[in-house]
Amino acid sequence: MSMLHLCFYSTFTLSSLGLAFHRTHLISALLCLESMMLSMYITLSTWPIENQATSSTIMPMLMLTFSACEAATGLAMLVATSRTHGSDQLHNLNLLQC
């Protein structure tokens, strides 16, 4: 395993651990999801270069598009919950109250 792979794997792992353990605010959960998506984007972008593939793949562009959609949806949810509940803390949200 090269140092580059170790860096990408550790970035993804640390952001998923941050998502699992630090779920107090919605913005921190969204930032962890965004860092997971960006680490997967960088990994998918460097994969054809490391394998010396002549054709470029469309997967990094699709991943970046989905990441932008995820960020926009997450920020819309953040605005909606802060308007209705008054804060972005996740313990204030109750799914059974809908």
N, C-alpha and C. Protein backbone atom coordinates (compact mmCIF):
# COMPACT_ATOMS: atom_id res chain seq x y z
N MET A 1 0.85 -1.17 0.00
CA MET A 1 0.00 0.00 0.00
C MET A 1 0.90 1.24 0.00
N SER A 2 0.63 2.10 -0.91
CA SER A 2 1.45 3.30 -1.01
C SER A 2 0.99 4.33 0.03
N MET A 3 1.81 5.35 0.17
CA MET A 3 1.49 6.39 1.14
C MET A 3 0.25 7.19 0.71
N LEU A 4 0.05 7.32 -0.60
CA LEU A 4 -1.12 8.03 -1.12
C LEU A 4 -2.41 7.28 -0.78
N HIS A 5 -2.39 5.96 -0.95
CA HIS A 5 -3.57 5.17 -0.59
C HIS A 5 -3.86 5.24 0.90
N LEU A 6 -2.81 5.17 1.69
CA LEU A 6 -2.99 5.25 3.14
C LEU A 6 -3.59 6.59 3.54
N CYS A 7 -3.17 7.65 2.88
CA CYS A 7 -3.71 8.98 3.19
C CYS A 7 -5.19 9.06 2.83
N PHE A 8 -5.58 8.54 1.67
CA PHE A 8 -6.99 8.59 1.27
C PHE A 8 -7.86 7.70 2.15
N TYR A 9 -7.36 6.52 2.49
CA TYR A 9 -8.12 5.62 3.35
C TYR A 9 -8.28 6.21 4.75
N SER A 10 -7.23 6.82 5.27
CA SER A 10 -7.33 7.41 6.60
C SER A 10 -8.23 8.64 6.60
N THR A 11 -8.24 9.40 5.50
CA THR A 11 -9.15 10.54 5.41
C THR A 11 -10.59 10.09 5.44
N PHE A 12 -10.91 9.06 4.67
CA PHE A 12 -12.27 8.54 4.66
C PHE A 12 -12.66 7.95 6.01
N THR A 13 -11.74 7.23 6.63
CA THR A 13 -12.02 6.61 7.92
C THR A 13 -12.22 7.65 9.01
N LEU A 14 -11.36 8.68 9.02
CA LEU A 14 -11.51 9.71 10.04
C LEU A 14 -12.80 10.51 9.88
N SER A 15 -13.20 10.76 8.65
CA SER A 15 -14.45 11.49 8.46
C SER A 15 -15.65 10.62 8.81
N SER A 16 -15.59 9.33 8.56
CA SER A 16 -16.70 8.46 8.96
C SER A 16 -16.75 8.29 10.48
N LEU A 17 -15.59 8.26 11.14
CA LEU A 17 -15.59 8.23 12.60
C LEU A 17 -16.10 9.54 13.18
N GLY A 18 -15.78 10.64 12.55
CA GLY A 18 -16.32 11.92 12.99
C GLY A 18 -17.82 11.98 12.85
N LEU A 19 -18.33 11.38 11.79
CA LEU A 19 -19.78 11.32 11.60
C LEU A 19 -20.44 10.42 12.65
N ALA A 20 -19.75 9.36 13.03
CA ALA A 20 -20.33 8.42 13.99
C ALA A 20 -20.30 8.95 15.42
N PHE A 21 -19.24 9.67 15.79
CA PHE A 21 -19.08 10.04 17.19
C PHE A 21 -19.43 11.48 17.54
N HIS A 22 -19.34 12.39 16.58
CA HIS A 22 -19.59 13.80 16.88
C HIS A 22 -20.85 14.27 16.16
N ARG A 23 -21.98 13.83 16.67
CA ARG A 23 -23.26 14.16 16.04
C ARG A 23 -24.05 15.13 16.90
N THR A 24 -23.42 16.21 17.33
CA THR A 24 -24.17 17.17 18.12
C THR A 24 -24.86 18.19 17.25
N HIS A 25 -24.19 18.67 16.23
CA HIS A 25 -24.76 19.69 15.34
C HIS A 25 -24.92 19.12 13.94
N LEU A 26 -25.92 19.60 13.25
CA LEU A 26 -26.17 19.16 11.88
C LEU A 26 -25.06 19.61 10.93
N ILE A 27 -24.49 20.78 11.17
CA ILE A 27 -23.44 21.28 10.29
C ILE A 27 -22.18 20.42 10.39
N SER A 28 -21.87 19.89 11.56
CA SER A 28 -20.70 19.01 11.68
C SER A 28 -20.93 17.69 10.97
N ALA A 29 -22.16 17.18 11.01
CA ALA A 29 -22.47 15.94 10.28
C ALA A 29 -22.37 16.17 8.78
N LEU A 30 -22.84 17.33 8.32
CA LEU A 30 -22.75 17.64 6.89
C LEU A 30 -21.30 17.81 6.44
N LEU A 31 -20.47 18.41 7.28
CA LEU A 31 -19.06 18.56 6.93
C LEU A 31 -18.35 17.21 6.87
N CYS A 32 -18.71 16.29 7.76
CA CYS A 32 -18.13 14.95 7.70
C CYS A 32 -18.56 14.22 6.43
N LEU A 33 -19.82 14.35 6.05
CA LEU A 33 -20.28 13.73 4.80
C LEU A 33 -19.58 14.34 3.59
N GLU A 34 -19.36 15.65 3.63
CA GLU A 34 -18.69 16.30 2.51
C GLU A 34 -17.23 15.87 2.41
N SER A 35 -16.56 15.70 3.53
CA SER A 35 -15.17 15.23 3.47
C SER A 35 -15.08 13.78 3.00
N MET A 36 -16.09 12.97 3.33
CA MET A 36 -16.11 11.60 2.81
C MET A 36 -16.26 11.60 1.29
N MET A 37 -17.15 12.45 0.79
CA MET A 37 -17.35 12.53 -0.66
C MET A 37 -16.12 13.07 -1.36
N LEU A 38 -15.46 14.06 -0.78
CA LEU A 38 -14.26 14.61 -1.42
C LEU A 38 -13.10 13.63 -1.42
N SER A 39 -12.97 12.83 -0.37
CA SER A 39 -11.91 11.82 -0.38
C SER A 39 -12.19 10.75 -1.43
N MET A 40 -13.47 10.38 -1.61
CA MET A 40 -13.80 9.43 -2.68
C MET A 40 -13.58 10.04 -4.05
N TYR A 41 -13.85 11.34 -4.20
CA TYR A 41 -13.62 12.02 -5.48
C TYR A 41 -12.14 12.03 -5.83
N ILE A 42 -11.30 12.36 -4.88
CA ILE A 42 -9.86 12.39 -5.16
C ILE A 42 -9.34 11.00 -5.45
N THR A 43 -9.84 10.00 -4.75
CA THR A 43 -9.43 8.62 -5.01
C THR A 43 -9.85 8.18 -6.41
N LEU A 44 -11.07 8.49 -6.81
CA LEU A 44 -11.54 8.11 -8.14
C LEU A 44 -10.82 8.91 -9.23
N SER A 45 -10.37 10.11 -8.92
CA SER A 45 -9.65 10.90 -9.91
C SER A 45 -8.23 10.40 -10.13
N THR A 46 -7.60 9.91 -9.08
CA THR A 46 -6.21 9.44 -9.22
C THR A 46 -6.12 7.98 -9.65
N TRP A 47 -7.21 7.24 -9.58
CA TRP A 47 -7.17 5.82 -9.93
C TRP A 47 -6.78 5.57 -11.40
N PRO A 48 -7.35 6.28 -12.40
CA PRO A 48 -6.91 6.02 -13.78
C PRO A 48 -5.45 6.42 -14.03
N ILE A 49 -4.96 7.41 -13.30
CA ILE A 49 -3.58 7.84 -13.47
C ILE A 49 -2.63 6.77 -12.93
N GLU A 50 -2.96 6.18 -11.79
CA GLU A 50 -2.11 5.14 -11.21
C GLU A 50 -2.13 3.87 -12.04
N ASN A 51 -3.25 3.56 -12.66
CA ASN A 51 -3.34 2.35 -13.48
C ASN A 51 -2.90 2.59 -14.91
N GLN A 52 -2.50 3.79 -15.23
CA GLN A 52 -2.05 4.19 -16.56
C GLN A 52 -3.09 3.85 -17.63
N ALA A 53 -4.32 4.17 -17.32
CA ALA A 53 -5.41 3.98 -18.28
C ALA A 53 -5.41 5.14 -19.26
N THR A 54 -5.62 4.84 -20.51
CA THR A 54 -5.59 5.90 -21.52
C THR A 54 -6.91 6.65 -21.59
N SER A 55 -7.99 6.01 -21.25
CA SER A 55 -9.29 6.68 -21.30
C SER A 55 -9.63 7.24 -19.93
N SER A 56 -10.18 8.43 -19.91
CA SER A 56 -10.61 9.01 -18.65
C SER A 56 -12.01 8.50 -18.32
N THR A 57 -12.28 8.36 -17.09
CA THR A 57 -13.59 7.86 -16.69
C THR A 57 -14.50 9.02 -16.32
N ILE A 58 -15.78 8.77 -16.35
CA ILE A 58 -16.78 9.78 -16.02
C ILE A 58 -17.13 9.74 -14.54
N MET A 59 -16.69 8.73 -13.83
CA MET A 59 -17.07 8.57 -12.42
C MET A 59 -16.67 9.74 -11.53
N PRO A 60 -15.48 10.34 -11.66
CA PRO A 60 -15.19 11.49 -10.79
C PRO A 60 -16.13 12.67 -11.02
N MET A 61 -16.54 12.90 -12.24
CA MET A 61 -17.47 14.00 -12.50
C MET A 61 -18.86 13.70 -11.94
N LEU A 62 -19.29 12.45 -12.03
CA LEU A 62 -20.57 12.07 -11.42
C LEU A 62 -20.52 12.19 -9.90
N MET A 63 -19.38 11.80 -9.32
CA MET A 63 -19.21 11.89 -7.88
C MET A 63 -19.22 13.35 -7.43
N LEU A 64 -18.59 14.22 -8.18
CA LEU A 64 -18.57 15.64 -7.85
C LEU A 64 -19.96 16.26 -7.99
N THR A 65 -20.71 15.81 -8.97
CA THR A 65 -22.09 16.30 -9.15
C THR A 65 -22.97 15.86 -8.00
N PHE A 66 -22.88 14.60 -7.61
CA PHE A 66 -23.66 14.12 -6.48
C PHE A 66 -23.25 14.79 -5.18
N SER A 67 -21.96 15.10 -5.06
CA SER A 67 -21.49 15.79 -3.87
C SER A 67 -22.05 17.19 -3.78
N ALA A 68 -22.13 17.88 -4.91
CA ALA A 68 -22.72 19.22 -4.92
C ALA A 68 -24.21 19.16 -4.60
N CYS A 69 -24.90 18.16 -5.12
CA CYS A 69 -26.34 18.00 -4.81
C CYS A 69 -26.54 17.67 -3.34
N GLU A 70 -25.67 16.86 -2.78
CA GLU A 70 -25.76 16.50 -1.38
C GLU A 70 -25.52 17.72 -0.50
N ALA A 71 -24.56 18.55 -0.87
CA ALA A 71 -24.28 19.75 -0.09
C ALA A 71 -25.44 20.73 -0.15
N ALA A 72 -26.04 20.90 -1.31
CA ALA A 72 -27.17 21.81 -1.43
C ALA A 72 -28.37 21.31 -0.65
N THR A 73 -28.63 20.01 -0.70
CA THR A 73 -29.75 19.44 0.06
C THR A 73 -29.50 19.54 1.56
N GLY A 74 -28.27 19.29 1.97
CA GLY A 74 -27.93 19.39 3.39
C GLY A 74 -28.06 20.81 3.92
N LEU A 75 -27.62 21.79 3.14
CA LEU A 75 -27.77 23.17 3.58
C LEU A 75 -29.23 23.60 3.61
N ALA A 76 -30.02 23.10 2.69
CA ALA A 76 -31.45 23.40 2.72
C ALA A 76 -32.10 22.79 3.97
N MET A 77 -31.69 21.57 4.33
CA MET A 77 -32.20 20.96 5.55
C MET A 77 -31.74 21.72 6.78
N LEU A 78 -30.52 22.24 6.75
CA LEU A 78 -30.01 23.01 7.87
C LEU A 78 -30.81 24.29 8.08
N VAL A 79 -31.11 24.97 7.00
CA VAL A 79 -31.91 26.20 7.09
C VAL A 79 -33.32 25.88 7.57
N ALA A 80 -33.90 24.81 7.05
CA ALA A 80 -35.26 24.46 7.44
C ALA A 80 -35.35 24.06 8.91
N THR A 81 -34.40 23.29 9.39
CA THR A 81 -34.45 22.87 10.79
C THR A 81 -34.11 24.01 11.74
N SER A 82 -33.22 24.90 11.33
CA SER A 82 -32.91 26.02 12.22
C SER A 82 -34.08 27.01 12.27
N ARG A 83 -34.87 27.09 11.23
CA ARG A 83 -36.06 27.95 11.26
C ARG A 83 -37.18 27.35 12.09
N THR A 84 -37.37 26.05 11.98
CA THR A 84 -38.48 25.44 12.70
C THR A 84 -38.14 25.11 14.15
N HIS A 85 -36.92 24.64 14.42
CA HIS A 85 -36.56 24.21 15.77
C HIS A 85 -35.72 25.24 16.53
N GLY A 86 -35.20 26.24 15.85
CA GLY A 86 -34.44 27.28 16.53
C GLY A 86 -32.95 27.02 16.64
N SER A 87 -32.49 25.81 16.40
CA SER A 87 -31.06 25.51 16.46
C SER A 87 -30.76 24.36 15.51
N ASP A 88 -29.47 24.09 15.35
CA ASP A 88 -29.08 22.99 14.46
C ASP A 88 -28.62 21.76 15.23
N GLN A 89 -28.95 21.69 16.51
CA GLN A 89 -28.54 20.53 17.28
C GLN A 89 -29.42 19.34 16.93
N LEU A 90 -28.77 18.19 16.79
CA LEU A 90 -29.49 17.01 16.32
C LEU A 90 -30.37 16.37 17.39
N HIS A 91 -30.08 16.61 18.68
CA HIS A 91 -30.92 16.00 19.69
C HIS A 91 -32.27 16.68 19.80
N ASN A 92 -32.42 17.87 19.20
CA ASN A 92 -33.72 18.53 19.19
C ASN A 92 -34.66 17.96 18.13
N LEU A 93 -34.11 17.26 17.18
CA LEU A 93 -34.93 16.71 16.10
C LEU A 93 -35.52 15.38 16.54
N ASN A 94 -36.81 15.23 16.37
CA ASN A 94 -37.49 14.01 16.70
C ASN A 94 -38.24 13.54 15.48
N LEU A 95 -37.87 12.39 14.95
CA LEU A 95 -38.49 11.91 13.73
C LEU A 95 -39.92 11.42 13.96
N LEU A 96 -40.26 11.08 15.18
CA LEU A 96 -41.61 10.60 15.46
C LEU A 96 -42.62 11.74 15.58
N GLN A 97 -42.12 12.98 15.63
CA GLN A 97 -42.99 14.11 15.81
C GLN A 97 -43.52 14.66 14.49
N CYS A 98 -43.07 14.18 13.38
CA CYS A 98 -43.50 14.69 12.09
C CYS A 98 -44.96 14.51 11.98
